[in-house]
């Protein structure tokens, strides 16, 4: 089977590629991720996906256009809908994977999105099936999530860059604002502890007079 593997990043490709090859399928990687921002992060993930493909000797294609403005035009209106932004993101990338597969003679396509334990698996599956029918190409479904930890281990062995957030600027904000709140809470606890210790010391000195 000539299979196109949409790659969201290098680390998330580790287990799916291993599993597909174990099943006798040689995938071809395709990097299309207009959701990743800012530019340096997108560039790092593109380069890491290419690095991974080279290390495992897998054929690789990439859309090397940075699409910040296109993403914002789609994402901002979607923010008003329940789960709209993530749905838009899945839809855009999976449709592009189906289109690219159909136009370049692939029998089927799949995505490393089905490896992530954090994504909305059933929604992505329905979306991929819809575009498979629309573009006349097979959607090869496999739940790669059982290999989550193995994929992490492989990526570390290959010394691949591992990103700290999903990809878009919204997820970056969510990731780091939580960290900031956690640090602020920790700092406030330390200040409170220092204040209580100072008050206790003052009472002790007062009692000694």
N, C-alpha and C. Protein backbone atom coordinates (compact mmCIF):
# COMPACT_ATOMS: atom_id res chain seq x y z
N UNK A 1 0.84 -1.20 0.00
CA UNK A 1 0.00 0.00 0.00
C UNK A 1 0.87 1.25 0.00
N UNK A 2 0.55 2.18 -0.88
CA UNK A 2 1.25 3.46 -0.92
C UNK A 2 0.50 4.40 0.02
N UNK A 3 1.10 4.66 1.19
CA UNK A 3 0.42 5.39 2.26
C UNK A 3 1.08 6.72 2.56
N UNK A 4 0.29 7.78 2.60
CA UNK A 4 0.77 9.10 3.01
C UNK A 4 0.52 9.26 4.50
N UNK A 5 1.57 9.59 5.23
CA UNK A 5 1.46 9.83 6.67
C UNK A 5 1.58 11.31 6.95
N UNK A 6 0.46 11.95 7.28
CA UNK A 6 0.53 13.34 7.70
C UNK A 6 1.26 13.40 9.04
N UNK A 7 2.30 14.23 9.12
CA UNK A 7 3.12 14.33 10.33
C UNK A 7 2.86 15.65 11.03
N UNK A 8 2.38 15.59 12.27
CA UNK A 8 2.21 16.84 13.01
C UNK A 8 3.55 17.30 13.58
N UNK A 9 4.48 16.36 13.77
CA UNK A 9 5.83 16.70 14.24
C UNK A 9 6.69 15.45 14.18
N UNK A 10 7.97 15.59 14.45
CA UNK A 10 8.87 14.45 14.44
C UNK A 10 8.61 13.45 15.55
N UNK A 11 8.56 13.89 16.82
CA UNK A 11 8.36 12.95 17.92
C UNK A 11 7.08 12.13 17.81
N UNK A 12 5.99 12.76 17.36
CA UNK A 12 4.73 12.04 17.25
C UNK A 12 4.72 11.05 16.08
N UNK A 13 5.74 11.11 15.24
CA UNK A 13 5.83 10.20 14.10
C UNK A 13 6.57 8.91 14.45
N UNK A 14 7.28 8.92 15.56
CA UNK A 14 8.17 7.80 15.89
C UNK A 14 7.44 6.47 15.99
N UNK A 15 6.43 6.42 16.83
CA UNK A 15 5.72 5.14 16.99
C UNK A 15 4.89 4.78 15.76
N UNK A 16 4.12 5.70 15.18
CA UNK A 16 3.34 5.33 13.99
C UNK A 16 4.19 4.75 12.86
N UNK A 17 5.35 5.33 12.61
CA UNK A 17 6.22 4.80 11.55
C UNK A 17 6.69 3.39 11.90
N UNK A 18 7.08 3.19 13.14
CA UNK A 18 7.53 1.86 13.57
C UNK A 18 6.40 0.84 13.42
N UNK A 19 5.20 1.22 13.84
CA UNK A 19 4.06 0.30 13.78
C UNK A 19 3.66 0.00 12.34
N UNK A 20 3.62 1.01 11.50
CA UNK A 20 3.26 0.79 10.10
C UNK A 20 4.26 -0.12 9.41
N UNK A 21 5.53 0.09 9.67
CA UNK A 21 6.55 -0.76 9.06
C UNK A 21 6.45 -2.19 9.57
N UNK A 22 6.12 -2.35 10.84
CA UNK A 22 5.95 -3.69 11.40
C UNK A 22 4.78 -4.41 10.72
N UNK A 23 3.81 -3.63 10.24
CA UNK A 23 2.65 -4.19 9.56
C UNK A 23 2.87 -4.31 8.04
N UNK A 24 4.10 -4.05 7.61
CA UNK A 24 4.42 -4.22 6.19
C UNK A 24 4.08 -3.03 5.32
N UNK A 25 3.88 -1.86 5.93
CA UNK A 25 3.53 -0.65 5.18
C UNK A 25 4.69 0.34 5.28
N UNK A 26 5.14 0.85 4.14
CA UNK A 26 6.20 1.85 4.12
C UNK A 26 5.57 3.22 3.89
N UNK A 27 5.43 4.04 4.94
CA UNK A 27 4.77 5.34 4.79
C UNK A 27 5.68 6.38 4.14
N UNK A 28 5.04 7.41 3.61
CA UNK A 28 5.73 8.59 3.10
C UNK A 28 5.24 9.77 3.94
N UNK A 29 6.17 10.51 4.53
CA UNK A 29 5.80 11.59 5.43
C UNK A 29 5.40 12.86 4.70
N UNK A 30 4.44 13.58 5.30
CA UNK A 30 4.01 14.87 4.75
C UNK A 30 3.76 15.83 5.90
N UNK A 31 4.53 16.91 5.95
CA UNK A 31 4.40 17.92 7.00
C UNK A 31 3.55 19.07 6.48
N UNK A 32 2.37 19.24 7.06
CA UNK A 32 1.50 20.37 6.76
C UNK A 32 0.84 20.77 8.07
N UNK A 33 1.30 21.87 8.65
CA UNK A 33 0.82 22.27 9.97
C UNK A 33 0.77 23.79 10.10
N UNK A 34 -0.23 24.41 9.48
CA UNK A 34 -0.35 25.87 9.54
C UNK A 34 -0.79 26.37 10.90
N UNK A 35 -1.06 25.45 11.81
CA UNK A 35 -1.48 25.82 13.16
C UNK A 35 -0.32 26.16 14.07
N UNK A 36 0.91 25.87 13.67
CA UNK A 36 2.06 26.02 14.57
C UNK A 36 2.61 27.44 14.52
N UNK A 37 2.76 28.04 15.69
CA UNK A 37 3.25 29.41 15.81
C UNK A 37 3.98 29.57 17.15
N UNK A 38 4.87 30.54 17.27
CA UNK A 38 5.29 31.52 16.27
C UNK A 38 6.23 30.90 15.22
N UNK A 39 6.82 31.77 14.40
CA UNK A 39 7.59 31.28 13.25
C UNK A 39 8.73 30.35 13.65
N UNK A 40 9.49 30.72 14.67
CA UNK A 40 10.65 29.91 15.06
C UNK A 40 10.23 28.52 15.53
N UNK A 41 9.08 28.45 16.19
CA UNK A 41 8.57 27.15 16.63
C UNK A 41 8.17 26.30 15.42
N UNK A 42 7.47 26.93 14.48
CA UNK A 42 7.08 26.22 13.25
C UNK A 42 8.32 25.72 12.50
N UNK A 43 9.32 26.57 12.40
CA UNK A 43 10.55 26.20 11.70
C UNK A 43 11.25 25.04 12.41
N UNK A 44 11.28 25.09 13.74
CA UNK A 44 11.92 24.02 14.51
C UNK A 44 11.21 22.68 14.30
N UNK A 45 9.88 22.71 14.29
CA UNK A 45 9.13 21.46 14.12
C UNK A 45 9.26 20.93 12.69
N UNK A 46 9.29 21.82 11.72
CA UNK A 46 9.51 21.39 10.34
C UNK A 46 10.88 20.73 10.21
N UNK A 47 11.89 21.37 10.75
CA UNK A 47 13.25 20.82 10.66
C UNK A 47 13.37 19.50 11.41
N UNK A 48 12.67 19.39 12.54
CA UNK A 48 12.72 18.15 13.32
C UNK A 48 12.01 17.02 12.59
N UNK A 49 10.90 17.34 11.92
CA UNK A 49 10.20 16.33 11.13
C UNK A 49 11.10 15.83 10.00
N UNK A 50 11.80 16.75 9.36
CA UNK A 50 12.73 16.38 8.29
C UNK A 50 13.90 15.55 8.85
N UNK A 51 14.40 15.97 10.00
CA UNK A 51 15.49 15.25 10.65
C UNK A 51 15.08 13.82 10.97
N UNK A 52 13.87 13.66 11.50
CA UNK A 52 13.38 12.32 11.82
C UNK A 52 13.29 11.47 10.56
N UNK A 53 12.72 12.04 9.50
CA UNK A 53 12.58 11.29 8.25
C UNK A 53 13.93 10.82 7.73
N UNK A 54 14.93 11.68 7.85
CA UNK A 54 16.28 11.31 7.40
C UNK A 54 16.86 10.20 8.26
N UNK A 55 16.64 10.29 9.57
CA UNK A 55 17.21 9.29 10.48
C UNK A 55 16.60 7.91 10.27
N UNK A 56 15.31 7.86 9.92
CA UNK A 56 14.66 6.56 9.73
C UNK A 56 14.55 6.20 8.24
N UNK A 57 15.15 7.05 7.38
CA UNK A 57 15.18 6.80 5.93
C UNK A 57 13.77 6.66 5.36
N UNK A 58 12.96 7.67 5.62
CA UNK A 58 11.60 7.72 5.11
C UNK A 58 11.46 8.88 4.12
N UNK A 59 10.81 8.64 3.01
CA UNK A 59 10.57 9.71 2.04
C UNK A 59 9.72 10.79 2.71
N UNK A 60 9.99 12.04 2.36
CA UNK A 60 9.39 13.15 3.11
C UNK A 60 9.03 14.31 2.18
N UNK A 61 7.83 14.83 2.37
CA UNK A 61 7.38 16.04 1.68
C UNK A 61 6.94 17.05 2.74
N UNK A 62 6.97 18.33 2.37
CA UNK A 62 6.55 19.36 3.33
C UNK A 62 5.99 20.57 2.60
N UNK A 63 4.97 21.15 3.19
CA UNK A 63 4.51 22.47 2.78
C UNK A 63 5.32 23.46 3.62
N UNK A 64 6.20 24.19 2.98
CA UNK A 64 7.12 25.06 3.71
C UNK A 64 6.66 26.51 3.74
N UNK A 65 5.36 26.71 3.61
CA UNK A 65 4.79 28.05 3.71
C UNK A 65 4.30 28.28 5.14
N UNK A 66 4.78 29.35 5.73
CA UNK A 66 4.33 29.72 7.08
C UNK A 66 3.02 30.49 6.94
N UNK A 67 1.94 29.98 7.54
CA UNK A 67 0.60 30.48 7.24
C UNK A 67 -0.07 31.15 8.44
N UNK A 68 0.62 32.05 9.09
CA UNK A 68 0.06 32.72 10.27
C UNK A 68 -1.26 33.43 9.94
N UNK A 69 -1.27 34.23 8.89
CA UNK A 69 -2.47 35.02 8.57
C UNK A 69 -3.63 34.13 8.16
N UNK A 70 -3.35 33.10 7.38
CA UNK A 70 -4.41 32.16 7.00
C UNK A 70 -4.99 31.48 8.24
N UNK A 71 -4.12 31.12 9.16
CA UNK A 71 -4.58 30.46 10.38
C UNK A 71 -5.48 31.39 11.19
N UNK A 72 -5.06 32.63 11.37
CA UNK A 72 -5.85 33.57 12.17
C UNK A 72 -7.21 33.85 11.53
N UNK A 73 -7.25 33.93 10.21
CA UNK A 73 -8.52 34.16 9.52
C UNK A 73 -9.51 33.04 9.79
N UNK A 74 -9.00 31.84 9.98
CA UNK A 74 -9.87 30.69 10.26
C UNK A 74 -10.12 30.53 11.76
N UNK A 75 -9.08 30.75 12.56
CA UNK A 75 -9.17 30.45 13.99
C UNK A 75 -10.01 31.45 14.77
N UNK A 76 -9.89 32.72 14.47
CA UNK A 76 -10.59 33.73 15.26
C UNK A 76 -12.12 33.58 15.17
N UNK A 77 -12.70 33.40 13.98
CA UNK A 77 -14.15 33.16 13.93
C UNK A 77 -14.54 31.84 14.61
N UNK A 78 -13.67 30.83 14.51
CA UNK A 78 -13.97 29.53 15.10
C UNK A 78 -13.99 29.57 16.62
N UNK A 79 -13.30 30.55 17.20
CA UNK A 79 -13.25 30.68 18.66
C UNK A 79 -14.64 30.86 19.26
N UNK A 80 -15.57 31.41 18.48
CA UNK A 80 -16.91 31.67 18.99
C UNK A 80 -17.76 30.41 19.09
N UNK A 81 -17.30 29.31 18.49
CA UNK A 81 -18.06 28.06 18.48
C UNK A 81 -17.53 27.08 19.52
N UNK A 82 -18.39 26.24 20.07
CA UNK A 82 -17.92 25.23 21.02
C UNK A 82 -16.89 24.31 20.37
N UNK A 83 -15.73 24.27 20.94
CA UNK A 83 -14.64 23.45 20.40
C UNK A 83 -14.29 23.81 18.96
N UNK A 84 -14.64 25.03 18.58
CA UNK A 84 -14.50 25.43 17.18
C UNK A 84 -13.08 25.48 16.67
N UNK A 85 -12.17 26.00 17.49
CA UNK A 85 -10.79 26.17 17.02
C UNK A 85 -10.13 24.83 16.72
N UNK A 86 -10.26 23.87 17.63
CA UNK A 86 -9.62 22.57 17.41
C UNK A 86 -10.28 21.82 16.25
N UNK A 87 -11.60 21.94 16.13
CA UNK A 87 -12.29 21.32 15.01
C UNK A 87 -11.79 21.88 13.69
N UNK A 88 -11.64 23.20 13.63
CA UNK A 88 -11.11 23.85 12.44
C UNK A 88 -9.72 23.33 12.11
N UNK A 89 -8.90 23.18 13.14
CA UNK A 89 -7.51 22.75 12.95
C UNK A 89 -7.43 21.32 12.41
N UNK A 90 -8.21 20.41 13.00
CA UNK A 90 -8.25 19.04 12.49
C UNK A 90 -8.73 19.01 11.05
N UNK A 91 -9.80 19.75 10.79
CA UNK A 91 -10.41 19.75 9.47
C UNK A 91 -9.44 20.23 8.40
N UNK A 92 -8.76 21.31 8.67
CA UNK A 92 -7.82 21.89 7.70
C UNK A 92 -6.70 20.91 7.36
N UNK A 93 -6.08 20.34 8.38
CA UNK A 93 -4.93 19.47 8.15
C UNK A 93 -5.32 18.13 7.53
N UNK A 94 -6.42 17.56 7.99
CA UNK A 94 -6.83 16.27 7.44
C UNK A 94 -7.35 16.40 6.01
N UNK A 95 -8.01 17.51 5.71
CA UNK A 95 -8.43 17.71 4.32
C UNK A 95 -7.22 17.85 3.41
N UNK A 96 -6.22 18.60 3.87
CA UNK A 96 -5.01 18.77 3.06
C UNK A 96 -4.30 17.43 2.86
N UNK A 97 -4.28 16.60 3.89
CA UNK A 97 -3.65 15.28 3.76
C UNK A 97 -4.39 14.44 2.72
N UNK A 98 -5.72 14.47 2.75
CA UNK A 98 -6.51 13.71 1.78
C UNK A 98 -6.30 14.24 0.37
N UNK A 99 -6.29 15.56 0.24
CA UNK A 99 -6.10 16.18 -1.08
C UNK A 99 -4.73 15.84 -1.65
N UNK A 100 -3.69 15.99 -0.82
CA UNK A 100 -2.33 15.71 -1.27
C UNK A 100 -2.18 14.24 -1.67
N UNK A 101 -2.76 13.37 -0.87
CA UNK A 101 -2.68 11.93 -1.16
C UNK A 101 -3.34 11.62 -2.50
N UNK A 102 -4.52 12.17 -2.72
CA UNK A 102 -5.26 11.90 -3.95
C UNK A 102 -4.52 12.44 -5.17
N UNK A 103 -3.97 13.64 -5.04
CA UNK A 103 -3.32 14.29 -6.18
C UNK A 103 -1.95 13.71 -6.50
N UNK A 104 -1.36 12.97 -5.56
CA UNK A 104 -0.02 12.43 -5.79
C UNK A 104 0.00 10.91 -5.86
N UNK A 105 -1.15 10.33 -6.12
CA UNK A 105 -1.20 8.91 -6.42
C UNK A 105 -1.08 7.96 -5.24
N UNK A 106 -1.38 8.43 -4.05
CA UNK A 106 -1.36 7.54 -2.88
C UNK A 106 -2.67 6.77 -2.80
N UNK A 107 -2.59 5.55 -2.33
CA UNK A 107 -3.80 4.75 -2.15
C UNK A 107 -4.57 5.16 -0.90
N UNK A 108 -3.83 5.63 0.11
CA UNK A 108 -4.46 5.94 1.39
C UNK A 108 -3.65 6.99 2.14
N UNK A 109 -4.27 7.53 3.18
CA UNK A 109 -3.58 8.48 4.05
C UNK A 109 -3.98 8.21 5.49
N UNK A 110 -3.12 8.64 6.40
CA UNK A 110 -3.42 8.64 7.82
C UNK A 110 -2.65 9.79 8.45
N UNK A 111 -2.68 9.89 9.76
CA UNK A 111 -2.03 11.03 10.42
C UNK A 111 -1.48 10.63 11.78
N UNK A 112 -0.39 11.27 12.15
CA UNK A 112 0.16 11.06 13.49
C UNK A 112 -0.72 11.69 14.56
N UNK A 113 -1.72 12.45 14.16
CA UNK A 113 -2.69 12.97 15.13
C UNK A 113 -3.35 11.83 15.90
N UNK A 114 -3.44 10.66 15.28
CA UNK A 114 -4.08 9.51 15.92
C UNK A 114 -3.15 8.80 16.91
N UNK A 115 -1.98 9.36 17.09
CA UNK A 115 -1.04 8.88 18.12
C UNK A 115 -1.25 9.64 19.43
N UNK A 116 -1.70 10.88 19.35
CA UNK A 116 -1.77 11.74 20.53
C UNK A 116 -2.89 11.32 21.48
N UNK A 117 -2.56 11.26 22.76
CA UNK A 117 -3.57 10.96 23.78
C UNK A 117 -4.34 12.22 24.18
N UNK A 118 -3.97 13.36 23.62
CA UNK A 118 -4.60 14.62 24.01
C UNK A 118 -5.62 15.11 22.98
N UNK A 119 -5.62 14.55 21.78
CA UNK A 119 -6.52 15.03 20.74
C UNK A 119 -7.87 14.32 20.80
N UNK A 120 -8.83 14.86 20.07
CA UNK A 120 -10.20 14.32 20.07
C UNK A 120 -10.31 13.25 18.99
N UNK A 121 -10.03 12.05 19.38
CA UNK A 121 -9.83 10.94 18.46
C UNK A 121 -11.04 10.67 17.57
N UNK A 122 -12.21 10.54 18.15
CA UNK A 122 -13.40 10.20 17.37
C UNK A 122 -13.75 11.30 16.37
N UNK A 123 -13.61 12.54 16.79
CA UNK A 123 -13.88 13.66 15.89
C UNK A 123 -12.92 13.63 14.71
N UNK A 124 -11.65 13.38 14.96
CA UNK A 124 -10.66 13.32 13.88
C UNK A 124 -10.96 12.17 12.93
N UNK A 125 -11.37 11.04 13.47
CA UNK A 125 -11.68 9.87 12.65
C UNK A 125 -12.84 10.17 11.70
N UNK A 126 -13.90 10.76 12.22
CA UNK A 126 -15.04 11.11 11.37
C UNK A 126 -14.64 12.12 10.30
N UNK A 127 -13.81 13.07 10.69
CA UNK A 127 -13.36 14.10 9.74
C UNK A 127 -12.53 13.49 8.63
N UNK A 128 -11.60 12.61 8.98
CA UNK A 128 -10.75 11.96 7.98
C UNK A 128 -11.57 11.10 7.03
N UNK A 129 -12.55 10.39 7.56
CA UNK A 129 -13.40 9.54 6.72
C UNK A 129 -14.21 10.39 5.74
N UNK A 130 -14.65 11.55 6.19
CA UNK A 130 -15.41 12.43 5.31
C UNK A 130 -14.57 12.91 4.13
N UNK A 131 -13.32 13.29 4.40
CA UNK A 131 -12.47 13.78 3.32
C UNK A 131 -11.96 12.64 2.44
N UNK A 132 -11.84 11.46 3.00
CA UNK A 132 -11.46 10.30 2.18
C UNK A 132 -12.52 10.08 1.10
N UNK A 133 -13.78 10.15 1.50
CA UNK A 133 -14.87 9.98 0.54
C UNK A 133 -14.90 11.12 -0.47
N UNK A 134 -14.65 12.33 0.01
CA UNK A 134 -14.70 13.50 -0.87
C UNK A 134 -13.62 13.47 -1.94
N UNK A 135 -12.41 13.02 -1.57
CA UNK A 135 -11.28 13.06 -2.50
C UNK A 135 -11.01 11.71 -3.17
N UNK A 136 -11.80 10.70 -2.84
CA UNK A 136 -11.66 9.42 -3.49
C UNK A 136 -10.38 8.69 -3.15
N UNK A 137 -9.97 8.77 -1.89
CA UNK A 137 -8.77 8.09 -1.43
C UNK A 137 -9.11 7.40 -0.11
N UNK A 138 -8.47 6.30 0.19
CA UNK A 138 -8.77 5.55 1.41
C UNK A 138 -8.18 6.22 2.65
N UNK A 139 -8.94 6.23 3.72
CA UNK A 139 -8.40 6.65 5.01
C UNK A 139 -7.97 5.39 5.76
N UNK A 140 -6.68 5.27 6.03
CA UNK A 140 -6.15 4.12 6.75
C UNK A 140 -6.23 4.44 8.24
N UNK A 141 -7.15 3.78 8.92
CA UNK A 141 -7.33 4.07 10.34
C UNK A 141 -6.55 3.11 11.22
N UNK A 142 -5.81 3.68 12.15
CA UNK A 142 -5.21 2.90 13.22
C UNK A 142 -5.07 3.79 14.44
N UNK A 143 -5.43 3.23 15.58
CA UNK A 143 -5.28 3.94 16.85
C UNK A 143 -3.85 3.70 17.34
N UNK A 144 -3.02 4.73 17.22
CA UNK A 144 -1.61 4.60 17.61
C UNK A 144 -1.37 4.91 19.09
N UNK A 145 -2.42 5.26 19.82
CA UNK A 145 -2.24 5.71 21.21
C UNK A 145 -1.61 4.67 22.14
N UNK A 146 -1.83 3.36 21.93
CA UNK A 146 -1.18 2.39 22.82
C UNK A 146 0.35 2.51 22.82
N UNK A 147 0.92 3.10 21.77
CA UNK A 147 2.37 3.25 21.70
C UNK A 147 2.88 4.59 22.19
N UNK A 148 2.06 5.29 22.97
CA UNK A 148 2.42 6.65 23.42
C UNK A 148 3.79 6.70 24.09
N UNK A 149 3.99 5.89 25.12
CA UNK A 149 5.26 5.94 25.84
C UNK A 149 6.42 5.44 24.99
N UNK A 150 6.17 4.42 24.19
CA UNK A 150 7.22 3.91 23.32
C UNK A 150 7.68 4.99 22.34
N UNK A 151 6.73 5.76 21.83
CA UNK A 151 7.07 6.85 20.93
C UNK A 151 7.93 7.90 21.60
N UNK A 152 7.61 8.21 22.85
CA UNK A 152 8.42 9.16 23.62
C UNK A 152 9.84 8.63 23.78
N UNK A 153 9.95 7.36 24.12
CA UNK A 153 11.26 6.75 24.32
C UNK A 153 12.09 6.80 23.03
N UNK A 154 11.46 6.50 21.90
CA UNK A 154 12.18 6.52 20.62
C UNK A 154 12.65 7.93 20.29
N UNK A 155 11.78 8.91 20.51
CA UNK A 155 12.15 10.30 20.19
C UNK A 155 13.32 10.77 21.04
N UNK A 156 13.37 10.31 22.28
CA UNK A 156 14.48 10.68 23.15
C UNK A 156 15.77 9.98 22.72
N UNK A 157 15.65 8.74 22.29
CA UNK A 157 16.82 8.01 21.79
C UNK A 157 17.39 8.68 20.54
N UNK A 158 16.49 9.21 19.71
CA UNK A 158 16.91 9.89 18.47
C UNK A 158 17.32 11.34 18.72
N UNK A 159 17.14 11.80 19.97
CA UNK A 159 17.48 13.17 20.38
C UNK A 159 16.75 14.21 19.54
N UNK A 160 15.45 13.99 19.38
CA UNK A 160 14.62 14.92 18.63
C UNK A 160 14.11 16.03 19.55
N UNK A 161 13.94 17.20 18.98
CA UNK A 161 13.33 18.31 19.72
C UNK A 161 11.89 17.95 20.08
N UNK A 162 11.55 18.10 21.35
CA UNK A 162 10.19 17.80 21.82
C UNK A 162 9.53 19.11 22.26
N UNK A 163 8.45 19.46 21.60
CA UNK A 163 7.79 20.73 21.84
C UNK A 163 7.02 20.72 23.16
N UNK A 164 6.89 21.89 23.82
CA UNK A 164 6.21 21.95 25.11
C UNK A 164 4.72 22.28 25.04
N UNK A 165 4.17 22.50 23.83
CA UNK A 165 2.74 22.79 23.71
C UNK A 165 2.24 22.31 22.35
N UNK A 166 0.92 22.26 22.20
CA UNK A 166 0.30 21.67 21.02
C UNK A 166 0.80 22.28 19.72
N UNK A 167 0.74 23.62 19.64
CA UNK A 167 1.23 24.23 18.41
C UNK A 167 0.77 25.65 18.18
N UNK A 168 -0.53 25.91 18.33
CA UNK A 168 -1.03 27.23 17.98
C UNK A 168 -0.76 28.23 19.10
N UNK A 169 -0.91 29.50 18.78
CA UNK A 169 -0.63 30.54 19.76
C UNK A 169 -1.61 30.50 20.92
N UNK A 170 -2.80 29.95 20.69
CA UNK A 170 -3.77 29.81 21.76
C UNK A 170 -3.31 28.74 22.76
N UNK A 171 -2.82 27.63 22.24
CA UNK A 171 -2.34 26.57 23.13
C UNK A 171 -1.06 27.00 23.84
N UNK A 172 -0.27 27.84 23.18
CA UNK A 172 0.93 28.37 23.84
C UNK A 172 0.52 29.23 25.04
N UNK A 173 -0.49 30.06 24.84
CA UNK A 173 -0.97 30.91 25.93
C UNK A 173 -1.49 30.05 27.08
N UNK A 174 -2.27 29.02 26.75
CA UNK A 174 -2.83 28.15 27.78
C UNK A 174 -1.72 27.41 28.53
N UNK A 175 -0.73 26.97 27.78
CA UNK A 175 0.39 26.23 28.39
C UNK A 175 1.15 27.10 29.37
N UNK A 176 1.51 28.28 28.92
CA UNK A 176 2.38 29.10 29.75
C UNK A 176 1.63 29.92 30.79
N UNK A 177 0.39 30.25 30.54
CA UNK A 177 -0.36 30.97 31.57
C UNK A 177 -0.59 30.07 32.77
N UNK A 178 -0.78 28.78 32.55
CA UNK A 178 -0.91 27.84 33.66
C UNK A 178 0.39 27.78 34.46
N UNK A 179 1.48 27.76 33.74
CA UNK A 179 2.78 27.72 34.42
C UNK A 179 3.00 28.99 35.23
N UNK A 180 2.59 30.11 34.66
CA UNK A 180 2.73 31.39 35.37
C UNK A 180 1.88 31.39 36.63
N UNK A 181 0.64 30.91 36.51
CA UNK A 181 -0.24 30.86 37.69
C UNK A 181 0.32 29.93 38.76
N UNK A 182 0.88 28.83 38.32
CA UNK A 182 1.46 27.88 39.27
C UNK A 182 2.64 28.51 40.00
N UNK A 183 3.49 29.22 39.24
CA UNK A 183 4.63 29.88 39.86
C UNK A 183 4.19 30.99 40.80
N UNK A 184 3.16 31.73 40.40
CA UNK A 184 2.65 32.81 41.24
C UNK A 184 2.09 32.25 42.55
N UNK A 185 1.39 31.12 42.44
CA UNK A 185 0.84 30.48 43.64
C UNK A 185 1.96 30.03 44.56
N UNK A 186 3.01 29.48 43.96
CA UNK A 186 4.17 29.04 44.74
C UNK A 186 4.84 30.22 45.43
N UNK A 187 4.99 31.33 44.68
CA UNK A 187 5.61 32.53 45.25
C UNK A 187 4.77 33.09 46.39
N UNK A 188 3.45 33.08 46.22
CA UNK A 188 2.56 33.61 47.26
C UNK A 188 2.65 32.77 48.53
N UNK A 189 2.76 31.45 48.35
CA UNK A 189 2.90 30.57 49.51
C UNK A 189 4.21 30.86 50.24
N UNK A 190 5.27 31.08 49.46
CA UNK A 190 6.57 31.37 50.08
C UNK A 190 6.52 32.70 50.84
N UNK A 191 5.86 33.69 50.24
CA UNK A 191 5.73 34.99 50.91
C UNK A 191 4.91 34.87 52.19
N UNK A 192 3.84 34.09 52.13
CA UNK A 192 2.99 33.90 53.31
C UNK A 192 3.76 33.19 54.41
N UNK A 193 4.54 32.17 54.01
CA UNK A 193 5.33 31.43 54.99
C UNK A 193 6.36 32.35 55.64
N UNK A 194 7.00 33.19 54.84
CA UNK A 194 8.00 34.12 55.37
C UNK A 194 7.35 35.13 56.31
N UNK A 195 6.14 35.59 55.95
CA UNK A 195 5.44 36.55 56.80
C UNK A 195 5.06 35.93 58.14
N UNK A 196 4.56 34.69 58.09
CA UNK A 196 4.17 34.00 59.32
C UNK A 196 5.38 33.74 60.21
N UNK A 197 6.49 33.38 59.58
CA UNK A 197 7.71 33.15 60.35
C UNK A 197 8.19 34.44 60.99
N UNK A 198 8.08 35.56 60.25
CA UNK A 198 8.50 36.86 60.80
C UNK A 198 7.60 37.27 61.96
N UNK A 199 6.29 37.02 61.81
CA UNK A 199 5.35 37.36 62.87
C UNK A 199 5.61 36.52 64.12
N UNK A 200 5.90 35.23 63.89
CA UNK A 200 6.19 34.34 65.02
C UNK A 200 7.46 34.78 65.74
N UNK A 201 8.45 35.20 64.96
CA UNK A 201 9.71 35.67 65.54
C UNK A 201 9.49 36.94 66.34
N UNK A 202 8.64 37.83 65.81
CA UNK A 202 8.34 39.08 66.51
C UNK A 202 7.64 38.80 67.83
N UNK A 203 6.70 37.85 67.83
CA UNK A 203 5.99 37.51 69.07
C UNK A 203 6.95 36.89 70.08
N UNK A 204 7.88 36.10 69.57
CA UNK A 204 8.87 35.48 70.46
C UNK A 204 9.75 36.54 71.11
N UNK A 205 10.18 37.52 70.34
CA UNK A 205 11.00 38.60 70.89
C UNK A 205 10.22 39.44 71.88
N UNK A 206 8.94 39.66 71.58
CA UNK A 206 8.10 40.44 72.47
C UNK A 206 7.92 39.73 73.81
N UNK A 207 7.80 38.40 73.74
CA UNK A 207 7.60 37.62 74.96
C UNK A 207 8.85 37.61 75.83
N UNK A 208 10.01 37.78 75.24
CA UNK A 208 11.27 37.76 75.98
C UNK A 208 11.55 39.07 76.70
N UNK A 209 10.81 40.11 76.38
CA UNK A 209 11.07 41.41 77.00
C UNK A 209 10.49 41.47 78.41
